[in-house]
Amino acid sequence: MARGRARLNGMALAGLGLLVVVVLAALAAPLLAPAPPDRLSLGESLQPPTPAHPCGTDYYGRDVLSRVLHGGRVSLAISLSAQLVALGLGVTLGVLAGYFGGWVDFAVMRTVDVFLAFPDLLLAIGIAAALGPGLPSVLVALGLVGWPGLCRLVRGEVMALRERDFIQAAKAIGAGHGWILWRHVLPNVVAPTVIATSLGLGSRIMQEASLSFLGLGVQPPVASWGSMVHFGLRWLSRAPWLVIFPGLAIAIAVLGFNLLGDGLRDALDPRLEE
């Protein structure tokens, strides 16, 4: 039923189509890129879009399209990895807090309150700055920023589930906690978790771009969308294409994840079915 509703959902199909284009372009970057992303050609500095360079060149003569395609690999990989870290922490701690309650719930939720007391981007900047610029610090920062929201969502779902008749029946026949969590609780939190994960990927892309823009993300000469926007700002009046094309890539990827998340919510949430 969910697959049928998803096929009929225009938002889900539009989001999936955008993401397929972005992901395939990133995976096929070595084939699609007109030139190596780090090849310098000072004689072609700041050239506008031409047939040889469809998105123009930057100050060092590097092809912007090549850097956007290869930067997509970096940005998408970091965002996906960080979201997987957030997913593992959020689901694990949310299930434990919601199912066992008591001091476990108190300890987990007070930790969540501490993390949620700070704006996501500000907290990510603080963590990345404390750890130092680079790929590992970005992964840790974005993973730690993303897990509290997932934890609260999963905890609420589990707290509603643990009082249901089928959970009580499983306890009555002597089922252990591990079996109940694996067979009954986790399958019933998959749908909201998938929706939140899809929507969260868009946020991770924006946050990774923000950290790279501030110089806390991956370091040159490695290209990422955020670092390209940062580099292009100093030449904005003379070469606006340095900002426009990586900015469009960020917008398309975030829009795709948001549309897909909204479509999955409509398809997977039975409460929205008429």
C-alpha atoms as a PDB file:
ATOM      1  CA  MET A   1       0.000   0.000   0.000  1.00  0.00           C
ATOM      2  CA  ALA A   2       2.814   2.403   0.862  1.00  0.00           C
ATOM      3  CA  ARG A   3       4.579   1.668  -2.428  1.00  0.00           C
ATOM      4  CA  GLY A   4       1.328   2.316  -4.292  1.00  0.00           C
ATOM      5  CA  ARG A   5       0.777   5.638  -2.544  1.00  0.00           C
ATOM      6  CA  ALA A   6       4.400   6.615  -3.156  1.00  0.00           C
ATOM      7  CA  ARG A   7       4.054   5.926  -6.894  1.00  0.00           C
ATOM      8  CA  LEU A   8       1.027   8.209  -7.006  1.00  0.00           C
ATOM      9  CA  ASN A   9       2.682  10.955  -4.961  1.00  0.00           C
ATOM     10  CA  GLY A  10       4.003  13.688  -7.224  1.00  0.00           C
ATOM     11  CA  MET A  11       6.267  15.192  -4.552  1.00  0.00           C
ATOM     12  CA  ALA A  12       7.977  11.886  -3.850  1.00  0.00           C
ATOM     13  CA  LEU A  13       8.552  11.236  -7.551  1.00  0.00           C
ATOM     14  CA  ALA A  14       9.844  14.762  -8.144  1.00  0.00           C
ATOM     15  CA  GLY A  15      12.207  14.558  -5.168  1.00  0.00           C
ATOM     16  CA  LEU A  16      13.415  11.123  -6.198  1.00  0.00           C
ATOM     17  CA  GLY A  17      14.009  12.343  -9.747  1.00  0.00           C
ATOM     18  CA  LEU A  18      16.104  15.290  -8.552  1.00  0.00           C
ATOM     19  CA  LEU A  19      18.139  13.057  -6.257  1.00  0.00           C
ATOM     20  CA  VAL A  20      18.734  10.488  -8.978  1.00  0.00           C
ATOM     21  CA  VAL A  21      20.142  13.220 -11.218  1.00  0.00           C
ATOM     22  CA  VAL A  22      22.359  14.629  -8.438  1.00  0.00           C
ATOM     23  CA  VAL A  23      23.648  11.241  -7.284  1.00  0.00           C
ATOM     24  CA  LEU A  24      24.285   9.912 -10.783  1.00  0.00           C
ATOM     25  CA  ALA A  25      26.101  13.124 -11.722  1.00  0.00           C
ATOM     26  CA  ALA A  26      28.307  12.807  -8.631  1.00  0.00           C
ATOM     27  CA  LEU A  27      29.032   9.117  -9.237  1.00  0.00           C
ATOM     28  CA  ALA A  28      29.822   9.726 -12.896  1.00  0.00           C
ATOM     29  CA  ALA A  29      31.931  12.820 -12.187  1.00  0.00           C
ATOM     30  CA  PRO A  30      35.143  11.350 -13.713  1.00  0.00           C
ATOM     31  CA  LEU A  31      33.234  10.646 -16.937  1.00  0.00           C
ATOM     32  CA  LEU A  32      31.203  13.866 -17.105  1.00  0.00           C
ATOM     33  CA  ALA A  33      33.826  16.365 -15.938  1.00  0.00           C
ATOM     34  CA  PRO A  34      35.436  18.274 -18.841  1.00  0.00           C
ATOM     35  CA  ALA A  35      38.764  18.409 -16.990  1.00  0.00           C
ATOM     36  CA  PRO A  36      40.386  17.238 -13.749  1.00  0.00           C
ATOM     37  CA  PRO A  37      38.950  19.328 -10.890  1.00  0.00           C
ATOM     38  CA  ASP A  38      42.351  20.514  -9.636  1.00  0.00           C
ATOM     39  CA  ARG A  39      44.067  21.195 -12.961  1.00  0.00           C
ATOM     40  CA  LEU A  40      45.420  24.749 -12.963  1.00  0.00           C
ATOM     41  CA  SER A  41      45.386  26.911 -16.085  1.00  0.00           C
ATOM     42  CA  LEU A  42      46.142  30.510 -15.169  1.00  0.00           C
ATOM     43  CA  GLY A  43      45.787  31.566 -18.796  1.00  0.00           C
ATOM     44  CA  GLU A  44      42.062  30.698 -18.565  1.00  0.00           C
ATOM     45  CA  SER A  45      41.422  32.491 -15.277  1.00  0.00           C
ATOM     46  CA  LEU A  46      37.847  33.660 -14.607  1.00  0.00           C
ATOM     47  CA  GLN A  47      36.499  32.765 -18.023  1.00  0.00           C
ATOM     48  CA  PRO A  48      32.688  32.934 -18.368  1.00  0.00           C
ATOM     49  CA  PRO A  49      30.747  29.828 -19.437  1.00  0.00           C
ATOM     50  CA  THR A  50      31.828  28.606 -22.867  1.00  0.00           C
ATOM     51  CA  PRO A  51      31.429  25.324 -24.777  1.00  0.00           C
ATOM     52  CA  ALA A  52      34.840  24.265 -23.484  1.00  0.00           C
ATOM     53  CA  HIS A  53      33.936  25.225 -19.916  1.00  0.00           C
ATOM     54  CA  PRO A  54      30.110  25.063 -19.594  1.00  0.00           C
ATOM     55  CA  CYS A  55      30.153  26.606 -16.102  1.00  0.00           C
ATOM     56  CA  GLY A  56      33.185  28.849 -16.564  1.00  0.00           C
ATOM     57  CA  THR A  57      36.491  28.757 -14.723  1.00  0.00           C
ATOM     58  CA  ASP A  58      37.704  30.101 -11.377  1.00  0.00           C
ATOM     59  CA  TYR A  59      40.631  32.375 -10.535  1.00  0.00           C
ATOM     60  CA  TYR A  60      43.140  29.557 -10.996  1.00  0.00           C
ATOM     61  CA  GLY A  61      41.633  28.469 -14.299  1.00  0.00           C
ATOM     62  CA  ARG A  62      40.032  25.348 -12.825  1.00  0.00           C
ATOM     63  CA  ASP A  63      36.867  24.137 -14.534  1.00  0.00           C
ATOM     64  CA  VAL A  64      33.851  24.986 -12.336  1.00  0.00           C
ATOM     65  CA  LEU A  65      31.654  22.187 -13.692  1.00  0.00           C
ATOM     66  CA  SER A  66      34.327  19.619 -12.866  1.00  0.00           C
ATOM     67  CA  ARG A  67      34.640  20.980  -9.340  1.00  0.00           C
ATOM     68  CA  VAL A  68      30.856  21.023  -8.854  1.00  0.00           C
ATOM     69  CA  LEU A  69      30.590  17.384  -9.954  1.00  0.00           C
ATOM     70  CA  HIS A  70      33.484  16.196  -7.797  1.00  0.00           C
ATOM     71  CA  GLY A  71      32.384  18.464  -4.944  1.00  0.00           C
ATOM     72  CA  GLY A  72      29.016  16.705  -5.030  1.00  0.00           C
ATOM     73  CA  ARG A  73      30.771  13.472  -4.163  1.00  0.00           C
ATOM     74  CA  VAL A  74      32.335  15.074  -1.100  1.00  0.00           C
ATOM     75  CA  SER A  75      29.224  16.926   0.077  1.00  0.00           C
ATOM     76  CA  LEU A  76      26.871  13.970  -0.405  1.00  0.00           C
ATOM     77  CA  ALA A  77      29.271  11.492   1.199  1.00  0.00           C
ATOM     78  CA  ILE A  78      29.801  13.690   4.257  1.00  0.00           C
ATOM     79  CA  SER A  79      26.081  14.388   4.642  1.00  0.00           C
ATOM     80  CA  LEU A  80      25.100  10.731   4.303  1.00  0.00           C
ATOM     81  CA  SER A  81      27.810   9.542   6.701  1.00  0.00           C
ATOM     82  CA  ALA A  82      26.883  12.168   9.289  1.00  0.00           C
ATOM     83  CA  GLN A  83      23.199  11.274   9.005  1.00  0.00           C
ATOM     84  CA  LEU A  84      24.021   7.590   9.523  1.00  0.00           C
ATOM     85  CA  VAL A  85      25.916   8.517  12.699  1.00  0.00           C
ATOM     86  CA  ALA A  86      22.940  10.583  13.884  1.00  0.00           C
ATOM     87  CA  LEU A  87      20.565   7.755  12.967  1.00  0.00           C
ATOM     88  CA  GLY A  88      22.510   5.155  14.933  1.00  0.00           C
ATOM     89  CA  LEU A  89      22.755   7.329  18.051  1.00  0.00           C
ATOM     90  CA  GLY A  90      19.221   8.695  17.858  1.00  0.00           C
ATOM     91  CA  VAL A  91      17.427   5.399  17.271  1.00  0.00           C
ATOM     92  CA  THR A  92      19.461   3.444  19.832  1.00  0.00           C
ATOM     93  CA  LEU A  93      19.113   5.988  22.634  1.00  0.00           C
ATOM     94  CA  GLY A  94      15.504   6.809  21.735  1.00  0.00           C
ATOM     95  CA  VAL A  95      14.447   3.164  21.867  1.00  0.00           C
ATOM     96  CA  LEU A  96      16.194   2.589  25.192  1.00  0.00           C
ATOM     97  CA  ALA A  97      14.770   5.750  26.744  1.00  0.00           C
ATOM     98  CA  GLY A  98      11.226   5.142  25.528  1.00  0.00           C
ATOM     99  CA  TYR A  99      11.090   1.450  26.378  1.00  0.00           C
ATOM    100  CA  PHE A 100      12.795   1.303  29.771  1.00  0.00           C
ATOM    101  CA  GLY A 101      11.877   4.751  31.105  1.00  0.00           C
ATOM    102  CA  GLY A 102      13.060   5.614  34.608  1.00  0.00           C
ATOM    103  CA  TRP A 103      16.640   6.739  35.058  1.00  0.00           C
ATOM    104  CA  VAL A 104      17.553   5.697  31.516  1.00  0.00           C
ATOM    105  CA  ASP A 105      14.916   8.006  30.084  1.00  0.00           C
ATOM    106  CA  PHE A 106      15.933  10.796  32.470  1.00  0.00           C
ATOM    107  CA  ALA A 107      19.632  10.576  31.566  1.00  0.00           C
ATOM    108  CA  VAL A 108      19.030  10.412  27.814  1.00  0.00           C
ATOM    109  CA  MET A 109      16.476  13.211  27.705  1.00  0.00           C
ATOM    110  CA  ARG A 110      18.516  15.572  29.850  1.00  0.00           C
ATOM    111  CA  THR A 111      21.410  15.027  27.435  1.00  0.00           C
ATOM    112  CA  VAL A 112      19.057  15.756  24.559  1.00  0.00           C
ATOM    113  CA  ASP A 113      17.928  18.949  26.297  1.00  0.00           C
ATOM    114  CA  VAL A 114      21.535  20.120  26.535  1.00  0.00           C
ATOM    115  CA  PHE A 115      22.116  19.585  22.814  1.00  0.00           C
ATOM    116  CA  LEU A 116      18.804  21.188  21.828  1.00  0.00           C
ATOM    117  CA  ALA A 117      19.570  24.256  23.937  1.00  0.00           C
ATOM    118  CA  PHE A 118      21.869  25.437  21.137  1.00  0.00           C
ATOM    119  CA  PRO A 119      20.937  26.189  17.522  1.00  0.00           C
ATOM    120  CA  ASP A 120      22.055  23.328  15.286  1.00  0.00           C
ATOM    121  CA  LEU A 121      24.430  25.336  13.135  1.00  0.00           C
ATOM    122  CA  LEU A 122      25.962  27.178  16.090  1.00  0.00           C
ATOM    123  CA  LEU A 123      26.577  23.880  17.893  1.00  0.00           C
ATOM    124  CA  ALA A 124      28.096  22.335  14.764  1.00  0.00           C
ATOM    125  CA  ILE A 125      30.408  25.333  14.368  1.00  0.00           C
ATOM    126  CA  GLY A 126      31.498  25.057  18.002  1.00  0.00           C
ATOM    127  CA  ILE A 127      32.225  21.328  17.779  1.00  0.00           C
ATOM    128  CA  ALA A 128      34.048  21.621  14.446  1.00  0.00           C
ATOM    129  CA  ALA A 129      36.092  24.573  15.699  1.00  0.00           C
ATOM    130  CA  ALA A 130      37.044  22.683  18.862  1.00  0.00           C
ATOM    131  CA  LEU A 131      38.123  19.612  16.902  1.00  0.00           C
ATOM    132  CA  GLY A 132      39.868  21.578  14.176  1.00  0.00           C
ATOM    133  CA  PRO A 133      39.023  21.885  10.468  1.00  0.00           C
ATOM    134  CA  GLY A 134      38.897  18.731   8.393  1.00  0.00           C
ATOM    135  CA  LEU A 135      36.716  15.831   7.345  1.00  0.00           C
ATOM    136  CA  PRO A 136      36.655  13.911  10.682  1.00  0.00           C
ATOM    137  CA  SER A 137      35.582  16.975  12.659  1.00  0.00           C
ATOM    138  CA  VAL A 138      32.765  17.695  10.197  1.00  0.00           C
ATOM    139  CA  LEU A 139      31.447  14.128  10.488  1.00  0.00           C
ATOM    140  CA  VAL A 140      31.522  14.253  14.294  1.00  0.00           C
ATOM    141  CA  ALA A 141      29.956  17.717  14.440  1.00  0.00           C
ATOM    142  CA  LEU A 142      27.095  16.948  12.060  1.00  0.00           C
ATOM    143  CA  GLY A 143      26.456  13.540  13.633  1.00  0.00           C
ATOM    144  CA  LEU A 144      26.209  15.034  17.116  1.00  0.00           C
ATOM    145  CA  VAL A 145      23.947  17.816  15.884  1.00  0.00           C
ATOM    146  CA  GLY A 146      21.530  15.455  14.144  1.00  0.00           C
ATOM    147  CA  TRP A 147      20.857  12.772  16.752  1.00  0.00           C
ATOM    148  CA  PRO A 148      18.781  14.658  19.418  1.00  0.00           C
ATOM    149  CA  GLY A 149      15.803  15.267  17.123  1.00  0.00           C
ATOM    150  CA  LEU A 150      15.735  11.645  15.995  1.00  0.00           C
ATOM    151  CA  CYS A 151      16.056  10.506  19.601  1.00  0.00           C
ATOM    152  CA  ARG A 152      13.030  12.511  20.725  1.00  0.00           C
ATOM    153  CA  LEU A 153      10.967  11.279  17.781  1.00  0.00           C
ATOM    154  CA  VAL A 154      11.811   7.611  18.374  1.00  0.00           C
ATOM    155  CA  ARG A 155      11.329   7.917  22.144  1.00  0.00           C
ATOM    156  CA  GLY A 156       7.814   9.276  21.660  1.00  0.00           C
ATOM    157  CA  GLU A 157       6.891   6.488  19.261  1.00  0.00           C
ATOM    158  CA  VAL A 158       8.279   3.810  21.584  1.00  0.00           C
ATOM    159  CA  MET A 159       6.508   5.236  24.635  1.00  0.00           C
ATOM    160  CA  ALA A 160       3.196   4.940  22.776  1.00  0.00           C
ATOM    161  CA  LEU A 161       4.042   1.401  21.612  1.00  0.00           C
ATOM    162  CA  ARG A 162       5.122  -0.059  24.934  1.00  0.00           C
ATOM    163  CA  GLU A 163       1.583   0.141  26.333  1.00  0.00           C
ATOM    164  CA  ARG A 164      -0.036  -1.513  23.321  1.00  0.00           C
ATOM    165  CA  ASP A 165      -1.719  -4.888  23.760  1.00  0.00           C
ATOM    166  CA  PHE A 166       0.701  -6.831  21.563  1.00  0.00           C
ATOM    167  CA  ILE A 167       3.671  -5.640  23.655  1.00  0.00           C
ATOM    168  CA  GLN A 168       1.922  -6.607  26.872  1.00  0.00           C
ATOM    169  CA  ALA A 169       0.993  -9.987  25.375  1.00  0.00           C
ATOM    170  CA  ALA A 170       4.623 -10.611  24.430  1.00  0.00           C
ATOM    171  CA  LYS A 171       5.697  -9.828  27.987  1.00  0.00           C
ATOM    172  CA  ALA A 172       2.973 -12.105  29.356  1.00  0.00           C
ATOM    173  CA  ILE A 173       4.296 -15.131  27.449  1.00  0.00           C
ATOM    174  CA  GLY A 174       7.795 -14.494  28.801  1.00  0.00           C
ATOM    175  CA  ALA A 175       9.445 -12.756  25.864  1.00  0.00           C
ATOM    176  CA  GLY A 176      12.678 -10.979  26.754  1.00  0.00           C
ATOM    177  CA  HIS A 177      13.356  -7.308  26.258  1.00  0.00           C
ATOM    178  CA  GLY A 178      15.732  -7.898  23.369  1.00  0.00           C
ATOM    179  CA  TRP A 179      13.224 -10.017  21.468  1.00  0.00           C
ATOM    180  CA  ILE A 180      10.423  -7.490  22.015  1.00  0.00           C
ATOM    181  CA  LEU A 181      12.584  -4.592  20.889  1.00  0.00           C
ATOM    182  CA  TRP A 182      13.788  -6.411  17.781  1.00  0.00           C
ATOM    183  CA  ARG A 183      10.531  -8.051  16.688  1.00  0.00           C
ATOM    184  CA  HIS A 184       7.886  -5.564  17.793  1.00  0.00           C
ATOM    185  CA  VAL A 185       9.280  -2.136  18.650  1.00  0.00           C
ATOM    186  CA  LEU A 186      11.873  -1.441  15.958  1.00  0.00           C
ATOM    187  CA  PRO A 187       9.645  -2.461  12.990  1.00  0.00           C
ATOM    188  CA  ASN A 188       7.001  -0.011  14.202  1.00  0.00           C
ATOM    189  CA  VAL A 189       9.384   2.961  14.305  1.00  0.00           C
ATOM    190  CA  VAL A 190      10.840   2.385  10.846  1.00  0.00           C
ATOM    191  CA  ALA A 191       8.361   4.624   8.999  1.00  0.00           C
ATOM    192  CA  PRO A 192       8.824   7.830  11.043  1.00  0.00           C
ATOM    193  CA  THR A 193      12.567   7.194  11.203  1.00  0.00           C
ATOM    194  CA  VAL A 194      12.855   6.892   7.410  1.00  0.00           C
ATOM    195  CA  ILE A 195      10.899  10.117   6.948  1.00  0.00           C
ATOM    196  CA  ALA A 196      12.994  12.011   9.504  1.00  0.00           C
ATOM    197  CA  THR A 197      16.213  10.647   7.989  1.00  0.00           C
ATOM    198  CA  SER A 198      15.260  11.789   4.503  1.00  0.00           C
ATOM    199  CA  LEU A 199      14.378  15.270   5.717  1.00  0.00           C
ATOM    200  CA  GLY A 200      17.502  15.346   7.883  1.00  0.00           C
ATOM    201  CA  LEU A 201      19.764  14.689   4.898  1.00  0.00           C
ATOM    202  CA  GLY A 202      18.745  18.034   3.449  1.00  0.00           C
ATOM    203  CA  SER A 203      19.708  19.725   6.707  1.00  0.00           C
ATOM    204  CA  ARG A 204      23.041  17.899   6.808  1.00  0.00           C
ATOM    205  CA  ILE A 205      23.884  19.135   3.297  1.00  0.00           C
ATOM    206  CA  MET A 206      23.126  22.718   4.321  1.00  0.00           C
ATOM    207  CA  GLN A 207      25.159  22.372   7.512  1.00  0.00           C
ATOM    208  CA  GLU A 208      28.117  20.802   5.706  1.00  0.00           C
ATOM    209  CA  ALA A 209      28.028  23.604   3.166  1.00  0.00           C
ATOM    210  CA  SER A 210      27.926  26.160   5.989  1.00  0.00           C
ATOM    211  CA  LEU A 211      30.918  24.616   7.766  1.00  0.00           C
ATOM    212  CA  SER A 212      32.898  24.433   4.529  1.00  0.00           C
ATOM    213  CA  PHE A 213      31.906  28.019   3.756  1.00  0.00           C
ATOM    214  CA  LEU A 214      33.366  29.077   7.113  1.00  0.00           C
ATOM    215  CA  GLY A 215      36.579  27.140   6.479  1.00  0.00           C
ATOM    216  CA  LEU A 216      35.817  24.405   9.029  1.00  0.00           C
ATOM    217  CA  GLY A 217      35.008  21.669   6.515  1.00  0.00           C
ATOM    218  CA  VAL A 218      37.159  19.822   4.017  1.00  0.00           C
ATOM    219  CA  GLN A 219      40.282  21.772   3.199  1.00  0.00           C
ATOM    220  CA  PRO A 220      41.640  22.932  -0.200  1.00  0.00           C
ATOM    221  CA  PRO A 221      42.340  21.756  -2.784  1.00  0.00           C
ATOM    222  CA  VAL A 222      39.485  19.275  -2.214  1.00  0.00           C
ATOM    223  CA  ALA A 223      36.281  20.731  -3.642  1.00  0.00           C
ATOM    224  CA  SER A 224      32.962  20.837  -1.840  1.00  0.00           C
ATOM    225  CA  TRP A 225      29.914  22.938  -2.619  1.00  0.00           C
ATOM    226  CA  GLY A 226      30.241  25.108   0.478  1.00  0.00           C
ATOM    227  CA  SER A 227      33.934  25.830  -0.024  1.00  0.00           C
ATOM    228  CA  MET A 228      33.272  26.726  -3.664  1.00  0.00           C
ATOM    229  CA  VAL A 229      30.661  29.294  -2.632  1.00  0.00           C
ATOM    230  CA  HIS A 230      33.110  30.706  -0.082  1.00  0.00           C
ATOM    231  CA  PHE A 231      35.869  30.980  -2.673  1.00  0.00           C
ATOM    232  CA  GLY A 232      33.527  32.545  -5.247  1.00  0.00           C
ATOM    233  CA  LEU A 233      32.308  35.334  -2.979  1.00  0.00           C
ATOM    234  CA  ARG A 234      35.494  37.368  -3.407  1.00  0.00           C
ATOM    235  CA  TRP A 235      34.895  37.356  -7.187  1.00  0.00           C
ATOM    236  CA  LEU A 236      31.104  37.710  -7.046  1.00  0.00           C
ATOM    237  CA  SER A 237      30.866  40.989  -8.969  1.00  0.00           C
ATOM    238  CA  ARG A 238      33.297  39.846 -11.658  1.00  0.00           C
ATOM    239  CA  ALA A 239      32.532  36.128 -11.919  1.00  0.00           C
ATOM    240  CA  PRO A 240      29.083  35.355 -10.444  1.00  0.00           C
ATOM    241  CA  TRP A 241      29.111  31.860 -11.939  1.00  0.00           C
ATOM    242  CA  LEU A 242      31.553  30.811  -9.209  1.00  0.00           C
ATOM    243  CA  VAL A 243      28.704  31.133  -6.702  1.00  0.00           C
ATOM    244  CA  ILE A 244      25.680  30.415  -8.882  1.00  0.00           C
ATOM    245  CA  PHE A 245      26.515  26.863  -9.962  1.00  0.00           C
ATOM    246  CA  PRO A 246      27.548  25.362  -6.580  1.00  0.00           C
ATOM    247  CA  GLY A 247      24.623  27.239  -5.006  1.00  0.00           C
ATOM    248  CA  LEU A 248      22.257  25.643  -7.515  1.00  0.00           C
ATOM    249  CA  ALA A 249      23.700  22.216  -6.739  1.00  0.00           C
ATOM    250  CA  ILE A 250      23.047  22.739  -3.019  1.00  0.00           C
ATOM    251  CA  ALA A 251      19.505  23.983  -3.701  1.00  0.00           C
ATOM    252  CA  ILE A 252      18.634  21.051  -5.979  1.00  0.00           C
ATOM    253  CA  ALA A 253      19.963  18.438  -3.543  1.00  0.00           C
ATOM    254  CA  VAL A 254      18.186  19.962  -0.530  1.00  0.00           C
ATOM    255  CA  LEU A 255      14.949  20.380  -2.485  1.00  0.00           C
ATOM    256  CA  GLY A 256      15.133  16.761  -3.622  1.00  0.00           C
ATOM    257  CA  PHE A 257      15.552  15.410  -0.090  1.00  0.00           C
ATOM    258  CA  ASN A 258      12.769  17.630   1.267  1.00  0.00           C
ATOM    259  CA  LEU A 259      10.309  16.656  -1.467  1.00  0.00           C
ATOM    260  CA  LEU A 260      11.186  12.984  -1.013  1.00  0.00           C
ATOM    261  CA  GLY A 261      10.730  13.257   2.758  1.00  0.00           C
ATOM    262  CA  ASP A 262       7.318  14.901   2.394  1.00  0.00           C
ATOM    263  CA  GLY A 263       6.275  12.280  -0.120  1.00  0.00           C
ATOM    264  CA  LEU A 264       7.431   9.423   2.091  1.00  0.00           C
ATOM    265  CA  ARG A 265       5.495  10.898   5.006  1.00  0.00           C
ATOM    266  CA  ASP A 266       2.317  10.873   2.921  1.00  0.00           C
ATOM    267  CA  ALA A 267       3.027   7.315   1.753  1.00  0.00           C
ATOM    268  CA  LEU A 268       4.163   5.725   5.018  1.00  0.00           C
ATOM    269  CA  ASP A 269       1.987   7.451   7.622  1.00  0.00           C
ATOM    270  CA  PRO A 270      -1.374   5.631   7.743  1.00  0.00           C
ATOM    271  CA  ARG A 271      -2.867   8.464   9.803  1.00  0.00           C
ATOM    272  CA  LEU A 272      -2.768  10.694   6.704  1.00  0.00           C
ATOM    273  CA  GLU A 273      -4.724   8.199   4.598  1.00  0.00           C
ATOM    274  CA  GLU A 274      -8.283   9.249   3.915  1.00  0.00           C
END
